[in-house]
Amino acid sequence: MSRELKFLYDEEADVLYVSLGHPEYTDYAEVNDDLILRLDPETKDIVGFTIIDFLAHFSRPESRLRIPLAASFQPLVDVKELVMA
């Protein structure tokens, strides 16, 4: 399974979908009315999340949605190749 982070924003519905790899059938856990975690049906690992009313949460600094996830970044290429001297 690809571990590439994918984003899809549905402007009409104001929903942001974030997935590790291609979105597939998943189980889900509702954190609150606006945040849904998508879980691998076998391992129960988090494989994505959905933010409903995305712009309402992120268009104003005083309006925030807490997402209970930690992230780490692993470069696909040698970082030295990306840095311009």
N, C-alpha and C. Protein backbone atom coordinates (compact mmCIF):
# COMPACT_ATOMS: atom_id res chain seq x y z
N MET A 1 0.84 -1.18 0.00
CA MET A 1 0.00 0.00 0.00
C MET A 1 0.89 1.24 0.00
N SER A 2 0.57 2.18 -0.84
CA SER A 2 1.30 3.45 -0.88
C SER A 2 1.06 4.23 0.39
N ARG A 3 2.09 4.85 0.92
CA ARG A 3 1.95 5.66 2.13
C ARG A 3 1.97 7.15 1.80
N GLU A 4 1.77 7.47 0.51
CA GLU A 4 1.75 8.87 0.09
C GLU A 4 0.50 9.55 0.64
N LEU A 5 0.68 10.72 1.21
CA LEU A 5 -0.43 11.47 1.77
C LEU A 5 -1.21 12.14 0.65
N LYS A 6 -2.50 11.91 0.59
CA LYS A 6 -3.36 12.46 -0.46
C LYS A 6 -4.43 13.34 0.16
N PHE A 7 -4.67 14.48 -0.48
CA PHE A 7 -5.68 15.42 -0.03
C PHE A 7 -6.73 15.58 -1.12
N LEU A 8 -7.99 15.66 -0.72
CA LEU A 8 -9.08 15.96 -1.65
C LEU A 8 -10.02 16.91 -0.93
N TYR A 9 -10.25 18.07 -1.54
CA TYR A 9 -11.16 19.04 -0.94
C TYR A 9 -12.40 19.14 -1.82
N ASP A 10 -13.57 18.92 -1.23
CA ASP A 10 -14.85 19.07 -1.91
C ASP A 10 -15.38 20.45 -1.56
N GLU A 11 -15.20 21.40 -2.49
CA GLU A 11 -15.57 22.79 -2.22
C GLU A 11 -17.06 22.95 -1.99
N GLU A 12 -17.87 22.25 -2.77
CA GLU A 12 -19.32 22.38 -2.64
C GLU A 12 -19.81 21.93 -1.26
N ALA A 13 -19.25 20.84 -0.76
CA ALA A 13 -19.65 20.32 0.55
C ALA A 13 -18.81 20.88 1.69
N ASP A 14 -17.71 21.57 1.37
CA ASP A 14 -16.75 22.09 2.36
C ASP A 14 -16.22 20.97 3.25
N VAL A 15 -15.70 19.93 2.59
CA VAL A 15 -15.17 18.76 3.30
C VAL A 15 -13.77 18.47 2.78
N LEU A 16 -12.83 18.26 3.70
CA LEU A 16 -11.47 17.87 3.35
C LEU A 16 -11.26 16.41 3.71
N TYR A 17 -10.77 15.64 2.73
CA TYR A 17 -10.45 14.23 2.92
C TYR A 17 -8.93 14.09 2.86
N VAL A 18 -8.35 13.43 3.84
CA VAL A 18 -6.91 13.18 3.86
C VAL A 18 -6.72 11.68 4.03
N SER A 19 -5.90 11.09 3.15
CA SER A 19 -5.69 9.64 3.19
C SER A 19 -4.23 9.30 3.00
N LEU A 20 -3.81 8.22 3.61
CA LEU A 20 -2.52 7.62 3.32
C LEU A 20 -2.74 6.66 2.17
N GLY A 21 -2.21 6.99 1.01
CA GLY A 21 -2.44 6.17 -0.16
C GLY A 21 -3.81 6.40 -0.75
N HIS A 22 -4.18 5.55 -1.68
CA HIS A 22 -5.48 5.67 -2.34
C HIS A 22 -6.60 5.35 -1.35
N PRO A 23 -7.60 6.22 -1.23
CA PRO A 23 -8.70 5.94 -0.29
C PRO A 23 -9.41 4.63 -0.66
N GLU A 24 -9.63 3.80 0.31
CA GLU A 24 -10.29 2.53 0.11
C GLU A 24 -11.37 2.38 1.18
N TYR A 25 -12.09 1.26 1.14
CA TYR A 25 -13.10 1.00 2.16
C TYR A 25 -12.43 0.97 3.53
N THR A 26 -13.00 1.66 4.48
CA THR A 26 -12.44 1.69 5.83
C THR A 26 -13.56 1.64 6.86
N ASP A 27 -13.17 1.32 8.08
CA ASP A 27 -14.04 1.54 9.22
C ASP A 27 -13.84 3.00 9.62
N TYR A 28 -14.65 3.50 10.50
CA TYR A 28 -14.47 4.88 10.91
C TYR A 28 -14.81 5.07 12.38
N ALA A 29 -14.27 6.16 12.92
CA ALA A 29 -14.57 6.55 14.30
C ALA A 29 -14.86 8.04 14.29
N GLU A 30 -16.02 8.43 14.79
CA GLU A 30 -16.38 9.84 14.87
C GLU A 30 -15.77 10.43 16.14
N VAL A 31 -14.87 11.39 15.96
CA VAL A 31 -14.25 12.06 17.10
C VAL A 31 -15.20 13.12 17.64
N ASN A 32 -15.83 13.85 16.73
CA ASN A 32 -16.88 14.81 17.07
C ASN A 32 -17.71 15.02 15.82
N ASP A 33 -18.60 16.02 15.82
CA ASP A 33 -19.49 16.24 14.68
C ASP A 33 -18.76 16.56 13.38
N ASP A 34 -17.54 17.11 13.47
CA ASP A 34 -16.83 17.57 12.29
C ASP A 34 -15.56 16.80 11.96
N LEU A 35 -15.22 15.79 12.73
CA LEU A 35 -13.98 15.05 12.50
C LEU A 35 -14.25 13.55 12.55
N ILE A 36 -13.88 12.88 11.46
CA ILE A 36 -14.05 11.43 11.36
C ILE A 36 -12.69 10.82 11.03
N LEU A 37 -12.25 9.87 11.84
CA LEU A 37 -11.02 9.13 11.56
C LEU A 37 -11.38 7.90 10.75
N ARG A 38 -10.59 7.60 9.72
CA ARG A 38 -10.79 6.41 8.92
C ARG A 38 -9.75 5.38 9.34
N LEU A 39 -10.22 4.15 9.58
CA LEU A 39 -9.39 3.10 10.15
C LEU A 39 -9.29 1.90 9.22
N ASP A 40 -8.10 1.32 9.16
CA ASP A 40 -7.92 0.07 8.42
C ASP A 40 -8.80 -0.98 9.09
N PRO A 41 -9.65 -1.69 8.33
CA PRO A 41 -10.58 -2.64 8.95
C PRO A 41 -9.90 -3.80 9.67
N GLU A 42 -8.68 -4.15 9.25
CA GLU A 42 -7.99 -5.28 9.89
C GLU A 42 -7.13 -4.85 11.07
N THR A 43 -6.32 -3.81 10.88
CA THR A 43 -5.37 -3.42 11.92
C THR A 43 -5.90 -2.33 12.85
N LYS A 44 -6.94 -1.63 12.40
CA LYS A 44 -7.51 -0.48 13.12
C LYS A 44 -6.54 0.70 13.18
N ASP A 45 -5.48 0.68 12.35
CA ASP A 45 -4.58 1.83 12.22
C ASP A 45 -5.33 2.96 11.52
N ILE A 46 -5.00 4.19 11.86
CA ILE A 46 -5.59 5.34 11.20
C ILE A 46 -4.98 5.45 9.80
N VAL A 47 -5.83 5.47 8.78
CA VAL A 47 -5.37 5.57 7.40
C VAL A 47 -5.88 6.86 6.73
N GLY A 48 -6.59 7.67 7.49
CA GLY A 48 -7.06 8.94 6.94
C GLY A 48 -8.02 9.61 7.90
N PHE A 49 -8.42 10.80 7.51
CA PHE A 49 -9.44 11.49 8.29
C PHE A 49 -10.21 12.43 7.38
N THR A 50 -11.39 12.80 7.85
CA THR A 50 -12.29 13.69 7.12
C THR A 50 -12.64 14.85 8.04
N ILE A 51 -12.52 16.07 7.52
CA ILE A 51 -12.92 17.26 8.27
C ILE A 51 -14.11 17.88 7.57
N ILE A 52 -15.24 17.90 8.25
CA ILE A 52 -16.47 18.49 7.74
C ILE A 52 -16.49 19.96 8.13
N ASP A 53 -17.03 20.81 7.27
CA ASP A 53 -17.02 22.28 7.48
C ASP A 53 -15.58 22.78 7.63
N PHE A 54 -14.72 22.34 6.73
CA PHE A 54 -13.30 22.65 6.79
C PHE A 54 -13.02 24.14 6.91
N LEU A 55 -13.58 24.95 6.02
CA LEU A 55 -13.28 26.39 6.04
C LEU A 55 -13.76 27.06 7.32
N ALA A 56 -14.84 26.58 7.89
CA ALA A 56 -15.33 27.14 9.15
C ALA A 56 -14.31 26.95 10.27
N HIS A 57 -13.54 25.89 10.18
CA HIS A 57 -12.54 25.61 11.21
C HIS A 57 -11.20 26.31 10.97
N PHE A 58 -10.86 26.54 9.71
CA PHE A 58 -9.51 26.99 9.42
C PHE A 58 -9.41 28.34 8.72
N SER A 59 -10.52 29.01 8.49
CA SER A 59 -10.45 30.31 7.82
C SER A 59 -10.25 31.45 8.81
N ARG A 60 -10.50 31.21 10.08
CA ARG A 60 -10.30 32.23 11.12
C ARG A 60 -9.37 31.69 12.19
N PRO A 61 -8.38 32.48 12.64
CA PRO A 61 -7.43 31.98 13.65
C PRO A 61 -8.10 31.54 14.95
N GLU A 62 -9.21 32.17 15.32
CA GLU A 62 -9.85 31.83 16.60
C GLU A 62 -10.72 30.58 16.51
N SER A 63 -10.93 30.07 15.32
CA SER A 63 -11.75 28.88 15.12
C SER A 63 -10.85 27.72 14.75
N ARG A 64 -10.70 26.76 15.66
CA ARG A 64 -9.77 25.65 15.43
C ARG A 64 -10.45 24.32 15.71
N LEU A 65 -9.94 23.30 15.07
CA LEU A 65 -10.40 21.94 15.29
C LEU A 65 -9.18 21.12 15.70
N ARG A 66 -9.24 20.51 16.86
CA ARG A 66 -8.11 19.71 17.33
C ARG A 66 -8.21 18.32 16.70
N ILE A 67 -7.11 17.89 16.06
CA ILE A 67 -7.05 16.58 15.43
C ILE A 67 -6.07 15.74 16.23
N PRO A 68 -6.54 14.67 16.88
CA PRO A 68 -5.69 13.90 17.79
C PRO A 68 -4.75 12.95 17.05
N LEU A 69 -3.86 13.52 16.24
CA LEU A 69 -2.92 12.71 15.47
C LEU A 69 -1.53 13.31 15.57
N ALA A 70 -0.54 12.48 15.46
CA ALA A 70 0.85 12.94 15.35
C ALA A 70 1.32 12.57 13.95
N ALA A 71 2.24 13.35 13.43
CA ALA A 71 2.75 13.07 12.09
C ALA A 71 4.27 13.07 12.11
N SER A 72 4.83 12.34 11.18
CA SER A 72 6.27 12.40 10.97
C SER A 72 6.48 12.40 9.46
N PHE A 73 7.59 12.98 9.05
CA PHE A 73 7.89 13.08 7.63
C PHE A 73 9.14 12.29 7.33
N GLN A 74 9.08 11.51 6.27
CA GLN A 74 10.21 10.71 5.84
C GLN A 74 10.47 11.06 4.38
N PRO A 75 11.62 11.64 4.07
CA PRO A 75 11.87 12.06 2.69
C PRO A 75 11.97 10.86 1.75
N LEU A 76 11.46 11.06 0.54
CA LEU A 76 11.55 10.01 -0.49
C LEU A 76 12.84 10.12 -1.27
N VAL A 77 13.52 11.27 -1.14
CA VAL A 77 14.81 11.49 -1.78
C VAL A 77 15.76 12.06 -0.73
N ASP A 78 17.04 12.03 -1.03
CA ASP A 78 18.03 12.60 -0.14
C ASP A 78 17.76 14.10 0.00
N VAL A 79 17.53 14.57 1.20
CA VAL A 79 17.19 15.97 1.44
C VAL A 79 18.29 16.90 0.93
N LYS A 80 19.53 16.46 0.95
CA LYS A 80 20.64 17.29 0.46
C LYS A 80 20.44 17.65 -1.01
N GLU A 81 19.78 16.78 -1.77
CA GLU A 81 19.52 17.07 -3.18
C GLU A 81 18.52 18.21 -3.34
N LEU A 82 17.68 18.44 -2.34
CA LEU A 82 16.65 19.46 -2.44
C LEU A 82 17.13 20.83 -1.97
N VAL A 83 18.18 20.85 -1.17
CA VAL A 83 18.67 22.11 -0.61
C VAL A 83 19.58 22.78 -1.64
N MET A 84 19.26 24.03 -1.94
CA MET A 84 20.08 24.77 -2.89
C MET A 84 21.23 25.43 -2.14
N ALA A 85 22.42 25.30 -2.67
CA ALA A 85 23.61 25.86 -2.01
C ALA A 85 23.68 27.36 -2.17
